[in-house]
Amino acid sequence: WSSVCAPCTVVQSGLMAQDGAESMKFVDGVMIHTRDSINYYIDTTLHHVLLRSHMLGVKVKMMLSWDPCVKNGPKKSLLDHRSIVDSKDEILSTISISRTTG
């Protein structure tokens, strides 16, 4: 993993008190989870916590960082990724033009 924290979303749902079921969502960072990137970049897990009188559900989504070596993340780059390529230095051929004055 890189030194920068990965974007993360935590959703906690279930019976919190005697009032009824509700859900809370905690978000940290900017997560891209649309189109094809969700298949490669988003890691999702769901865990059910059994308490004395009710059950809680905790769903965690984390975004993986891009890894071209495929050690800790996907090799495929994001759809919105743009790379700027340096221009090549071209050597212009010099053509000598002789002028005749008359």
PDB file of N, CA and C in Angstrom:
ATOM      1  N   TRP A   1       0.828  -1.177   0.000  1.00  0.00           N
ATOM      2  CA  TRP A   1       0.000   0.000   0.000  1.00  0.00           C
ATOM      3  C   TRP A   1       0.872   1.241   0.000  1.00  0.00           C
ATOM      4  N   SER A   2       0.344   2.284  -0.547  1.00  0.00           N
ATOM      5  CA  SER A   2       1.093   3.530  -0.554  1.00  0.00           C
ATOM      6  C   SER A   2       0.956   4.206   0.808  1.00  0.00           C
ATOM      7  N   SER A   3       1.712   5.274   0.989  1.00  0.00           N
ATOM      8  CA  SER A   3       1.676   5.975   2.272  1.00  0.00           C
ATOM      9  C   SER A   3       0.405   6.798   2.435  1.00  0.00           C
ATOM     10  N   VAL A   4      -0.323   7.029   1.350  1.00  0.00           N
ATOM     11  CA  VAL A   4      -1.564   7.793   1.410  1.00  0.00           C
ATOM     12  C   VAL A   4      -2.696   6.840   1.790  1.00  0.00           C
ATOM     13  N   CYS A   5      -3.590   7.291   2.659  1.00  0.00           N
ATOM     14  CA  CYS A   5      -4.713   6.447   3.076  1.00  0.00           C
ATOM     15  C   CYS A   5      -5.650   6.194   1.904  1.00  0.00           C
ATOM     16  N   ALA A   6      -6.150   4.981   1.822  1.00  0.00           N
ATOM     17  CA  ALA A   6      -7.067   4.606   0.754  1.00  0.00           C
ATOM     18  C   ALA A   6      -8.464   5.121   1.079  1.00  0.00           C
ATOM     19  N   PRO A   7      -9.231   5.539   0.066  1.00  0.00           N
ATOM     20  CA  PRO A   7     -10.615   5.934   0.317  1.00  0.00           C
ATOM     21  C   PRO A   7     -11.419   4.758   0.863  1.00  0.00           C
ATOM     22  N   CYS A   8     -12.307   5.046   1.801  1.00  0.00           N
ATOM     23  CA  CYS A   8     -13.019   3.977   2.502  1.00  0.00           C
ATOM     24  C   CYS A   8     -14.443   4.428   2.819  1.00  0.00           C
ATOM     25  N   THR A   9     -15.381   3.469   2.799  1.00  0.00           N
ATOM     26  CA  THR A   9     -16.765   3.702   3.188  1.00  0.00           C
ATOM     27  C   THR A   9     -17.192   2.592   4.138  1.00  0.00           C
ATOM     28  N   VAL A  10     -17.781   2.964   5.282  1.00  0.00           N
ATOM     29  CA  VAL A  10     -18.284   1.990   6.249  1.00  0.00           C
ATOM     30  C   VAL A  10     -19.767   2.272   6.459  1.00  0.00           C
ATOM     31  N   VAL A  11     -20.604   1.242   6.274  1.00  0.00           N
ATOM     32  CA  VAL A  11     -22.042   1.360   6.495  1.00  0.00           C
ATOM     33  C   VAL A  11     -22.420   0.407   7.617  1.00  0.00           C
ATOM     34  N   GLN A  12     -23.012   0.956   8.679  1.00  0.00           N
ATOM     35  CA  GLN A  12     -23.451   0.159   9.821  1.00  0.00           C
ATOM     36  C   GLN A  12     -24.973   0.224   9.849  1.00  0.00           C
ATOM     37  N   SER A  13     -25.626  -0.935   9.840  1.00  0.00           N
ATOM     38  CA  SER A  13     -27.082  -0.942   9.828  1.00  0.00           C
ATOM     39  C   SER A  13     -27.604  -1.988  10.798  1.00  0.00           C
ATOM     40  N   GLY A  14     -28.797  -1.737  11.296  1.00  0.00           N
ATOM     41  CA  GLY A  14     -29.432  -2.671  12.218  1.00  0.00           C
ATOM     42  C   GLY A  14     -30.178  -1.940  13.312  1.00  0.00           C
ATOM     43  N   LEU A  15     -30.575  -2.670  14.323  1.00  0.00           N
ATOM     44  CA  LEU A  15     -31.327  -2.137  15.445  1.00  0.00           C
ATOM     45  C   LEU A  15     -30.344  -1.534  16.449  1.00  0.00           C
ATOM     46  N   MET A  16     -30.262  -0.208  16.487  1.00  0.00           N
ATOM     47  CA  MET A  16     -29.307   0.460  17.362  1.00  0.00           C
ATOM     48  C   MET A  16     -29.840   0.594  18.791  1.00  0.00           C
ATOM     49  N   ALA A  17     -31.124   0.875  18.928  1.00  0.00           N
ATOM     50  CA  ALA A  17     -31.737   1.035  20.257  1.00  0.00           C
ATOM     51  C   ALA A  17     -33.177   0.537  20.157  1.00  0.00           C
ATOM     52  N   GLN A  18     -33.998   0.896  21.107  1.00  0.00           N
ATOM     53  CA  GLN A  18     -35.389   0.462  21.093  1.00  0.00           C
ATOM     54  C   GLN A  18     -36.215   1.197  20.042  1.00  0.00           C
ATOM     55  N   ASP A  19     -35.641   2.233  19.437  1.00  0.00           N
ATOM     56  CA  ASP A  19     -36.390   3.054  18.481  1.00  0.00           C
ATOM     57  C   ASP A  19     -36.706   2.296  17.193  1.00  0.00           C
ATOM     58  N   GLY A  20     -35.789   1.519  16.701  1.00  0.00           N
ATOM     59  CA  GLY A  20     -35.995   0.804  15.444  1.00  0.00           C
ATOM     60  C   GLY A  20     -34.696   0.717  14.668  1.00  0.00           C
ATOM     61  N   ALA A  21     -34.780   0.138  13.502  1.00  0.00           N
ATOM     62  CA  ALA A  21     -33.585  -0.068  12.687  1.00  0.00           C
ATOM     63  C   ALA A  21     -33.202   1.220  11.967  1.00  0.00           C
ATOM     64  N   GLU A  22     -31.938   1.464  11.882  1.00  0.00           N
ATOM     65  CA  GLU A  22     -31.417   2.614  11.146  1.00  0.00           C
ATOM     66  C   GLU A  22     -30.029   2.262  10.642  1.00  0.00           C
ATOM     67  N   SER A  23     -29.536   3.079   9.743  1.00  0.00           N
ATOM     68  CA  SER A  23     -28.191   2.836   9.213  1.00  0.00           C
ATOM     69  C   SER A  23     -27.389   4.124   9.258  1.00  0.00           C
ATOM     70  N   MET A  24     -26.091   3.985   9.459  1.00  0.00           N
ATOM     71  CA  MET A  24     -25.174   5.118   9.480  1.00  0.00           C
ATOM     72  C   MET A  24     -24.063   4.847   8.478  1.00  0.00           C
ATOM     73  N   LYS A  25     -23.676   5.884   7.755  1.00  0.00           N
ATOM     74  CA  LYS A  25     -22.654   5.747   6.719  1.00  0.00           C
ATOM     75  C   LYS A  25     -21.506   6.697   7.038  1.00  0.00           C
ATOM     76  N   PHE A  26     -20.287   6.161   7.043  1.00  0.00           N
ATOM     77  CA  PHE A  26     -19.083   6.946   7.307  1.00  0.00           C
ATOM     78  C   PHE A  26     -18.199   6.875   6.072  1.00  0.00           C
ATOM     79  N   VAL A  27     -17.800   8.031   5.541  1.00  0.00           N
ATOM     80  CA  VAL A  27     -17.032   8.098   4.297  1.00  0.00           C
ATOM     81  C   VAL A  27     -15.747   8.868   4.554  1.00  0.00           C
ATOM     82  N   ASP A  28     -14.640   8.354   4.018  1.00  0.00           N
ATOM     83  CA  ASP A  28     -13.355   9.038   4.115  1.00  0.00           C
ATOM     84  C   ASP A  28     -12.684   8.977   2.752  1.00  0.00           C
ATOM     85  N   GLY A  29     -12.365  10.120   2.184  1.00  0.00           N
ATOM     86  CA  GLY A  29     -11.696  10.169   0.894  1.00  0.00           C
ATOM     87  C   GLY A  29     -12.678  10.146  -0.268  1.00  0.00           C
ATOM     88  N   VAL A  30     -12.134  10.270  -1.473  1.00  0.00           N
ATOM     89  CA  VAL A  30     -12.928  10.261  -2.699  1.00  0.00           C
ATOM     90  C   VAL A  30     -12.802   8.890  -3.333  1.00  0.00           C
ATOM     91  N   MET A  31     -13.925   8.192  -3.443  1.00  0.00           N
ATOM     92  CA  MET A  31     -13.912   6.840  -3.991  1.00  0.00           C
ATOM     93  C   MET A  31     -14.632   6.836  -5.337  1.00  0.00           C
ATOM     94  N   ILE A  32     -13.978   6.285  -6.348  1.00  0.00           N
ATOM     95  CA  ILE A  32     -14.592   6.144  -7.661  1.00  0.00           C
ATOM     96  C   ILE A  32     -15.177   4.741  -7.726  1.00  0.00           C
ATOM     97  N   HIS A  33     -16.503   4.641  -7.675  1.00  0.00           N
ATOM     98  CA  HIS A  33     -17.135   3.327  -7.716  1.00  0.00           C
ATOM     99  C   HIS A  33     -18.271   3.327  -8.729  1.00  0.00           C
ATOM    100  N   THR A  34     -17.926   3.630  -9.979  1.00  0.00           N
ATOM    101  CA  THR A  34     -18.887   3.592 -11.068  1.00  0.00           C
ATOM    102  C   THR A  34     -18.297   2.822 -12.235  1.00  0.00           C
ATOM    103  N   ARG A  35     -19.157   2.343 -13.086  1.00  0.00           N
ATOM    104  CA  ARG A  35     -18.812   1.649 -14.327  1.00  0.00           C
ATOM    105  C   ARG A  35     -17.906   0.451 -14.083  1.00  0.00           C
ATOM    106  N   ASP A  36     -16.868   0.304 -14.882  1.00  0.00           N
ATOM    107  CA  ASP A  36     -16.038  -0.896 -14.843  1.00  0.00           C
ATOM    108  C   ASP A  36     -15.005  -0.860 -13.719  1.00  0.00           C
ATOM    109  N   SER A  37     -14.741   0.317 -13.167  1.00  0.00           N
ATOM    110  CA  SER A  37     -13.707   0.422 -12.131  1.00  0.00           C
ATOM    111  C   SER A  37     -14.100  -0.296 -10.845  1.00  0.00           C
ATOM    112  N   ILE A  38     -15.388  -0.518 -10.620  1.00  0.00           N
ATOM    113  CA  ILE A  38     -15.818  -1.212  -9.397  1.00  0.00           C
ATOM    114  C   ILE A  38     -15.366  -2.666  -9.412  1.00  0.00           C
ATOM    115  N   ASN A  39     -15.184  -3.254 -10.591  1.00  0.00           N
ATOM    116  CA  ASN A  39     -14.754  -4.651 -10.684  1.00  0.00           C
ATOM    117  C   ASN A  39     -13.284  -4.825 -10.331  1.00  0.00           C
ATOM    118  N   TYR A  40     -12.467  -3.799 -10.519  1.00  0.00           N
ATOM    119  CA  TYR A  40     -11.027  -3.919 -10.320  1.00  0.00           C
ATOM    120  C   TYR A  40     -10.527  -3.186  -9.077  1.00  0.00           C
ATOM    121  N   TYR A  41     -11.129  -2.054  -8.742  1.00  0.00           N
ATOM    122  CA  TYR A  41     -10.568  -1.170  -7.722  1.00  0.00           C
ATOM    123  C   TYR A  41     -11.266  -1.216  -6.371  1.00  0.00           C
ATOM    124  N   ILE A  42     -12.479  -1.735  -6.283  1.00  0.00           N
ATOM    125  CA  ILE A  42     -13.240  -1.702  -5.039  1.00  0.00           C
ATOM    126  C   ILE A  42     -13.251  -3.086  -4.400  1.00  0.00           C
ATOM    127  N   ASP A  43     -12.823  -3.154  -3.149  1.00  0.00           N
ATOM    128  CA  ASP A  43     -12.854  -4.393  -2.374  1.00  0.00           C
ATOM    129  C   ASP A  43     -13.937  -4.230  -1.305  1.00  0.00           C
ATOM    130  N   THR A  44     -14.927  -5.130  -1.309  1.00  0.00           N
ATOM    131  CA  THR A  44     -16.089  -5.014  -0.433  1.00  0.00           C
ATOM    132  C   THR A  44     -16.189  -6.231   0.473  1.00  0.00           C
ATOM    133  N   THR A  45     -16.538  -5.999   1.728  1.00  0.00           N
ATOM    134  CA  THR A  45     -16.788  -7.097   2.653  1.00  0.00           C
ATOM    135  C   THR A  45     -18.010  -6.762   3.514  1.00  0.00           C
ATOM    136  N   LEU A  46     -18.722  -7.794   3.935  1.00  0.00           N
ATOM    137  CA  LEU A  46     -19.910  -7.646   4.761  1.00  0.00           C
ATOM    138  C   LEU A  46     -19.796  -8.602   5.941  1.00  0.00           C
ATOM    139  N   HIS A  47     -20.049  -8.079   7.138  1.00  0.00           N
ATOM    140  CA  HIS A  47     -19.939  -8.909   8.336  1.00  0.00           C
ATOM    141  C   HIS A  47     -21.164  -8.677   9.212  1.00  0.00           C
ATOM    142  N   HIS A  48     -21.738  -9.757   9.725  1.00  0.00           N
ATOM    143  CA  HIS A  48     -22.893  -9.679  10.618  1.00  0.00           C
ATOM    144  C   HIS A  48     -22.418  -9.887  12.056  1.00  0.00           C
ATOM    145  N   VAL A  49     -22.819  -8.976  12.933  1.00  0.00           N
ATOM    146  CA  VAL A  49     -22.432  -9.039  14.342  1.00  0.00           C
ATOM    147  C   VAL A  49     -23.668  -9.417  15.155  1.00  0.00           C
ATOM    148  N   LEU A  50     -23.610 -10.563  15.809  1.00  0.00           N
ATOM    149  CA  LEU A  50     -24.732 -11.033  16.616  1.00  0.00           C
ATOM    150  C   LEU A  50     -24.583 -10.504  18.042  1.00  0.00           C
ATOM    151  N   LEU A  51     -25.541  -9.690  18.460  1.00  0.00           N
ATOM    152  CA  LEU A  51     -25.553  -9.142  19.809  1.00  0.00           C
ATOM    153  C   LEU A  51     -26.585  -9.897  20.652  1.00  0.00           C
ATOM    154  N   ARG A  52     -26.782  -9.477  21.879  1.00  0.00           N
ATOM    155  CA  ARG A  52     -27.667 -10.195  22.792  1.00  0.00           C
ATOM    156  C   ARG A  52     -29.105 -10.246  22.274  1.00  0.00           C
ATOM    157  N   SER A  53     -29.624  -9.102  21.855  1.00  0.00           N
ATOM    158  CA  SER A  53     -31.032  -9.064  21.465  1.00  0.00           C
ATOM    159  C   SER A  53     -31.262  -8.722  19.995  1.00  0.00           C
ATOM    160  N   HIS A  54     -30.217  -8.415  19.263  1.00  0.00           N
ATOM    161  CA  HIS A  54     -30.400  -8.050  17.864  1.00  0.00           C
ATOM    162  C   HIS A  54     -29.113  -8.304  17.085  1.00  0.00           C
ATOM    163  N   MET A  55     -29.116  -7.944  15.813  1.00  0.00           N
ATOM    164  CA  MET A  55     -27.976  -8.188  14.939  1.00  0.00           C
ATOM    165  C   MET A  55     -27.624  -6.902  14.193  1.00  0.00           C
ATOM    166  N   LEU A  56     -26.332  -6.646  14.044  1.00  0.00           N
ATOM    167  CA  LEU A  56     -25.840  -5.501  13.285  1.00  0.00           C
ATOM    168  C   LEU A  56     -25.158  -5.994  12.020  1.00  0.00           C
ATOM    169  N   GLY A  57     -25.251  -5.198  10.977  1.00  0.00           N
ATOM    170  CA  GLY A  57     -24.536  -5.493   9.748  1.00  0.00           C
ATOM    171  C   GLY A  57     -23.520  -4.400   9.486  1.00  0.00           C
ATOM    172  N   VAL A  58     -22.296  -4.779   9.167  1.00  0.00           N
ATOM    173  CA  VAL A  58     -21.232  -3.817   8.888  1.00  0.00           C
ATOM    174  C   VAL A  58     -20.691  -4.121   7.496  1.00  0.00           C
ATOM    175  N   LYS A  59     -20.771  -3.134   6.613  1.00  0.00           N
ATOM    176  CA  LYS A  59     -20.282  -3.287   5.247  1.00  0.00           C
ATOM    177  C   LYS A  59     -19.146  -2.292   5.034  1.00  0.00           C
ATOM    178  N   VAL A  60     -18.004  -2.780   4.579  1.00  0.00           N
ATOM    179  CA  VAL A  60     -16.820  -1.947   4.379  1.00  0.00           C
ATOM    180  C   VAL A  60     -16.414  -2.026   2.913  1.00  0.00           C
ATOM    181  N   LYS A  61     -16.210  -0.850   2.287  1.00  0.00           N
ATOM    182  CA  LYS A  61     -15.718  -0.780   0.911  1.00  0.00           C
ATOM    183  C   LYS A  61     -14.432   0.031   0.912  1.00  0.00           C
ATOM    184  N   MET A  62     -13.377  -0.512   0.311  1.00  0.00           N
ATOM    185  CA  MET A  62     -12.098   0.192   0.209  1.00  0.00           C
ATOM    186  C   MET A  62     -11.675   0.238  -1.249  1.00  0.00           C
ATOM    187  N   MET A  63     -11.035   1.330  -1.627  1.00  0.00           N
ATOM    188  CA  MET A  63     -10.541   1.483  -2.993  1.00  0.00           C
ATOM    189  C   MET A  63      -9.058   1.144  -3.021  1.00  0.00           C
ATOM    190  N   LEU A  64      -8.685   0.224  -3.901  1.00  0.00           N
ATOM    191  CA  LEU A  64      -7.293  -0.171  -4.041  1.00  0.00           C
ATOM    192  C   LEU A  64      -6.541   0.859  -4.867  1.00  0.00           C
ATOM    193  N   SER A  65      -5.247   0.963  -4.650  1.00  0.00           N
ATOM    194  CA  SER A  65      -4.444   1.894  -5.433  1.00  0.00           C
ATOM    195  C   SER A  65      -3.917   1.198  -6.679  1.00  0.00           C
ATOM    196  N   TRP A  66      -3.629   1.974  -7.718  1.00  0.00           N
ATOM    197  CA  TRP A  66      -3.157   1.442  -8.991  1.00  0.00           C
ATOM    198  C   TRP A  66      -1.739   0.916  -8.832  1.00  0.00           C
ATOM    199  N   ASP A  67      -1.494  -0.307  -9.292  1.00  0.00           N
ATOM    200  CA  ASP A  67      -0.190  -0.939  -9.167  1.00  0.00           C
ATOM    201  C   ASP A  67       0.160  -1.596 -10.497  1.00  0.00           C
ATOM    202  N   PRO A  68       1.064  -1.007 -11.282  1.00  0.00           N
ATOM    203  CA  PRO A  68       1.404  -1.600 -12.581  1.00  0.00           C
ATOM    204  C   PRO A  68       2.143  -2.924 -12.452  1.00  0.00           C
ATOM    205  N   CYS A  69       2.729  -3.226 -11.291  1.00  0.00           N
ATOM    206  CA  CYS A  69       3.451  -4.494 -11.089  1.00  0.00           C
ATOM    207  C   CYS A  69       2.527  -5.605 -10.583  1.00  0.00           C
ATOM    208  N   VAL A  70       1.273  -5.309 -10.287  1.00  0.00           N
ATOM    209  CA  VAL A  70       0.236  -6.245  -9.828  1.00  0.00           C
ATOM    210  C   VAL A  70       0.665  -6.984  -8.559  1.00  0.00           C
ATOM    211  N   LYS A  71       1.202  -6.254  -7.575  1.00  0.00           N
ATOM    212  CA  LYS A  71       1.535  -6.861  -6.283  1.00  0.00           C
ATOM    213  C   LYS A  71       0.428  -6.614  -5.266  1.00  0.00           C
ATOM    214  N   ASN A  72      -0.063  -5.371  -5.176  1.00  0.00           N
ATOM    215  CA  ASN A  72      -1.074  -5.036  -4.173  1.00  0.00           C
ATOM    216  C   ASN A  72      -2.319  -4.385  -4.757  1.00  0.00           C
ATOM    217  N   GLY A  73      -2.420  -4.283  -6.054  1.00  0.00           N
ATOM    218  CA  GLY A  73      -3.566  -3.621  -6.652  1.00  0.00           C
ATOM    219  C   GLY A  73      -3.718  -4.007  -8.107  1.00  0.00           C
ATOM    220  N   PRO A  74      -4.732  -3.466  -8.768  1.00  0.00           N
ATOM    221  CA  PRO A  74      -4.987  -3.821 -10.160  1.00  0.00           C
ATOM    222  C   PRO A  74      -3.989  -3.177 -11.120  1.00  0.00           C
ATOM    223  N   LYS A  75      -3.742  -3.874 -12.228  1.00  0.00           N
ATOM    224  CA  LYS A  75      -2.827  -3.365 -13.247  1.00  0.00           C
ATOM    225  C   LYS A  75      -3.535  -2.395 -14.183  1.00  0.00           C
ATOM    226  N   LYS A  76      -4.826  -2.614 -14.384  1.00  0.00           N
ATOM    227  CA  LYS A  76      -5.611  -1.782 -15.289  1.00  0.00           C
ATOM    228  C   LYS A  76      -5.769  -0.386 -14.686  1.00  0.00           C
ATOM    229  N   SER A  77      -5.492   0.646 -15.486  1.00  0.00           N
ATOM    230  CA  SER A  77      -5.594   2.013 -14.969  1.00  0.00           C
ATOM    231  C   SER A  77      -7.050   2.469 -14.980  1.00  0.00           C
ATOM    232  N   LEU A  78      -7.341   3.499 -14.208  1.00  0.00           N
ATOM    233  CA  LEU A  78      -8.693   4.036 -14.147  1.00  0.00           C
ATOM    234  C   LEU A  78      -9.076   4.666 -15.477  1.00  0.00           C
ATOM    235  N   LEU A  79     -10.389   4.765 -15.716  1.00  0.00           N
ATOM    236  CA  LEU A  79     -10.860   5.315 -16.977  1.00  0.00           C
ATOM    237  C   LEU A  79     -10.555   6.800 -17.108  1.00  0.00           C
ATOM    238  N   ASP A  80     -10.498   7.524 -16.007  1.00  0.00           N
ATOM    239  CA  ASP A  80     -10.246   8.956 -16.068  1.00  0.00           C
ATOM    240  C   ASP A  80      -8.762   9.297 -15.976  1.00  0.00           C
ATOM    241  N   HIS A  81      -7.896   8.297 -16.007  1.00  0.00           N
ATOM    242  CA  HIS A  81      -6.451   8.524 -15.923  1.00  0.00           C
ATOM    243  C   HIS A  81      -5.934   9.039 -17.262  1.00  0.00           C
ATOM    244  N   ARG A  82      -5.232  10.139 -17.244  1.00  0.00           N
ATOM    245  CA  ARG A  82      -4.643  10.716 -18.455  1.00  0.00           C
ATOM    246  C   ARG A  82      -3.148  10.864 -18.235  1.00  0.00           C
ATOM    247  N   SER A  83      -2.369  10.458 -19.221  1.00  0.00           N
ATOM    248  CA  SER A  83      -0.921  10.612 -19.126  1.00  0.00           C
ATOM    249  C   SER A  83      -0.462  11.586 -20.200  1.00  0.00           C
ATOM    250  N   ILE A  84       0.483  12.416 -19.841  1.00  0.00           N
ATOM    251  CA  ILE A  84       1.022  13.412 -20.760  1.00  0.00           C
ATOM    252  C   ILE A  84       2.379  12.924 -21.222  1.00  0.00           C
ATOM    253  N   VAL A  85       2.515  12.801 -22.521  1.00  0.00           N
ATOM    254  CA  VAL A  85       3.745  12.296 -23.109  1.00  0.00           C
ATOM    255  C   VAL A  85       4.563  13.480 -23.603  1.00  0.00           C
ATOM    256  N   ASP A  86       5.860  13.477 -23.282  1.00  0.00           N
ATOM    257  CA  ASP A  86       6.730  14.544 -23.747  1.00  0.00           C
ATOM    258  C   ASP A  86       6.888  14.465 -25.260  1.00  0.00           C
ATOM    259  N   SER A  87       6.979  15.632 -25.881  1.00  0.00           N
ATOM    260  CA  SER A  87       7.140  15.655 -27.333  1.00  0.00           C
ATOM    261  C   SER A  87       8.582  15.317 -27.698  1.00  0.00           C
ATOM    262  N   LYS A  88       8.737  14.718 -28.858  1.00  0.00           N
ATOM    263  CA  LYS A  88      10.071  14.358 -29.323  1.00  0.00           C
ATOM    264  C   LYS A  88      10.737  15.582 -29.938  1.00  0.00           C
ATOM    265  N   ASP A  89      12.035  15.687 -29.728  1.00  0.00           N
ATOM    266  CA  ASP A  89      12.784  16.770 -30.354  1.00  0.00           C
ATOM    267  C   ASP A  89      13.084  16.369 -31.791  1.00  0.00           C
ATOM    268  N   GLU A  90      12.559  17.147 -32.721  1.00  0.00           N
ATOM    269  CA  GLU A  90      12.775  16.844 -34.127  1.00  0.00           C
ATOM    270  C   GLU A  90      13.868  17.757 -34.664  1.00  0.00           C
ATOM    271  N   ILE A  91      14.734  17.176 -35.446  1.00  0.00           N
ATOM    272  CA  ILE A  91      15.786  17.954 -36.093  1.00  0.00           C
ATOM    273  C   ILE A  91      15.285  18.322 -37.480  1.00  0.00           C
ATOM    274  N   LEU A  92      15.117  19.618 -37.684  1.00  0.00           N
ATOM    275  CA  LEU A  92      14.637  20.071 -38.982  1.00  0.00           C
ATOM    276  C   LEU A  92      15.800  20.093 -39.959  1.00  0.00           C
ATOM    277  N   SER A  93      15.554  19.518 -41.105  1.00  0.00           N
ATOM    278  CA  SER A  93      16.614  19.518 -42.119  1.00  0.00           C
ATOM    279  C   SER A  93      16.714  20.915 -42.716  1.00  0.00           C
ATOM    280  N   THR A  94      17.922  21.371 -42.846  1.00  0.00           N
ATOM    281  CA  THR A  94      18.146  22.701 -43.405  1.00  0.00           C
ATOM    282  C   THR A  94      18.400  22.563 -44.896  1.00  0.00           C
ATOM    283  N   ILE A  95      17.647  23.286 -45.641  1.00  0.00           N
ATOM    284  CA  ILE A  95      17.791  23.281 -47.097  1.00  0.00           C
ATOM    285  C   ILE A  95      18.300  24.656 -47.489  1.00  0.00           C
ATOM    286  N   SER A  96      19.429  24.656 -48.185  1.00  0.00           N
ATOM    287  CA  SER A  96      19.976  25.937 -48.631  1.00  0.00           C
ATOM    288  C   SER A  96      19.320  26.306 -49.953  1.00  0.00           C
ATOM    289  N   ILE A  97      18.791  27.500 -49.987  1.00  0.00           N
ATOM    290  CA  ILE A  97      18.138  28.005 -51.195  1.00  0.00           C
ATOM    291  C   ILE A  97      19.013  29.124 -51.731  1.00  0.00           C
ATOM    292  N   SER A  98      19.447  28.929 -52.961  1.00  0.00           N
ATOM    293  CA  SER A  98      20.288  29.965 -53.580  1.00  0.00           C
ATOM    294  C   SER A  98      19.390  30.942 -54.312  1.00  0.00           C
ATOM    295  N   ARG A  99      19.690  32.203 -54.133  1.00  0.00           N
ATOM    296  CA  ARG A  99      18.921  33.254 -54.789  1.00  0.00           C
ATOM    297  C   ARG A  99      19.776  33.865 -55.887  1.00  0.00           C
ATOM    298  N   THR A 100      19.125  34.086 -56.934  1.00  0.00           N
ATOM    299  CA  THR A 100      19.816  34.792 -58.026  1.00  0.00           C
ATOM    300  C   THR A 100      19.224  36.181 -58.126  1.00  0.00           C
ATOM    301  N   THR A 101      20.098  37.139 -58.138  1.00  0.00           N
ATOM    302  CA  THR A 101      19.634  38.522 -58.263  1.00  0.00           C
ATOM    303  C   THR A 101      19.898  38.977 -59.684  1.00  0.00           C
ATOM    304  N   GLY A 102      19.009  39.679 -60.228  1.00  0.00           N
ATOM    305  CA  GLY A 102      19.199  40.052 -61.619  1.00  0.00           C
ATOM    306  C   GLY A 102      18.887  41.421 -61.975  1.00  0.00           C
TER     307      GLY A 102
END
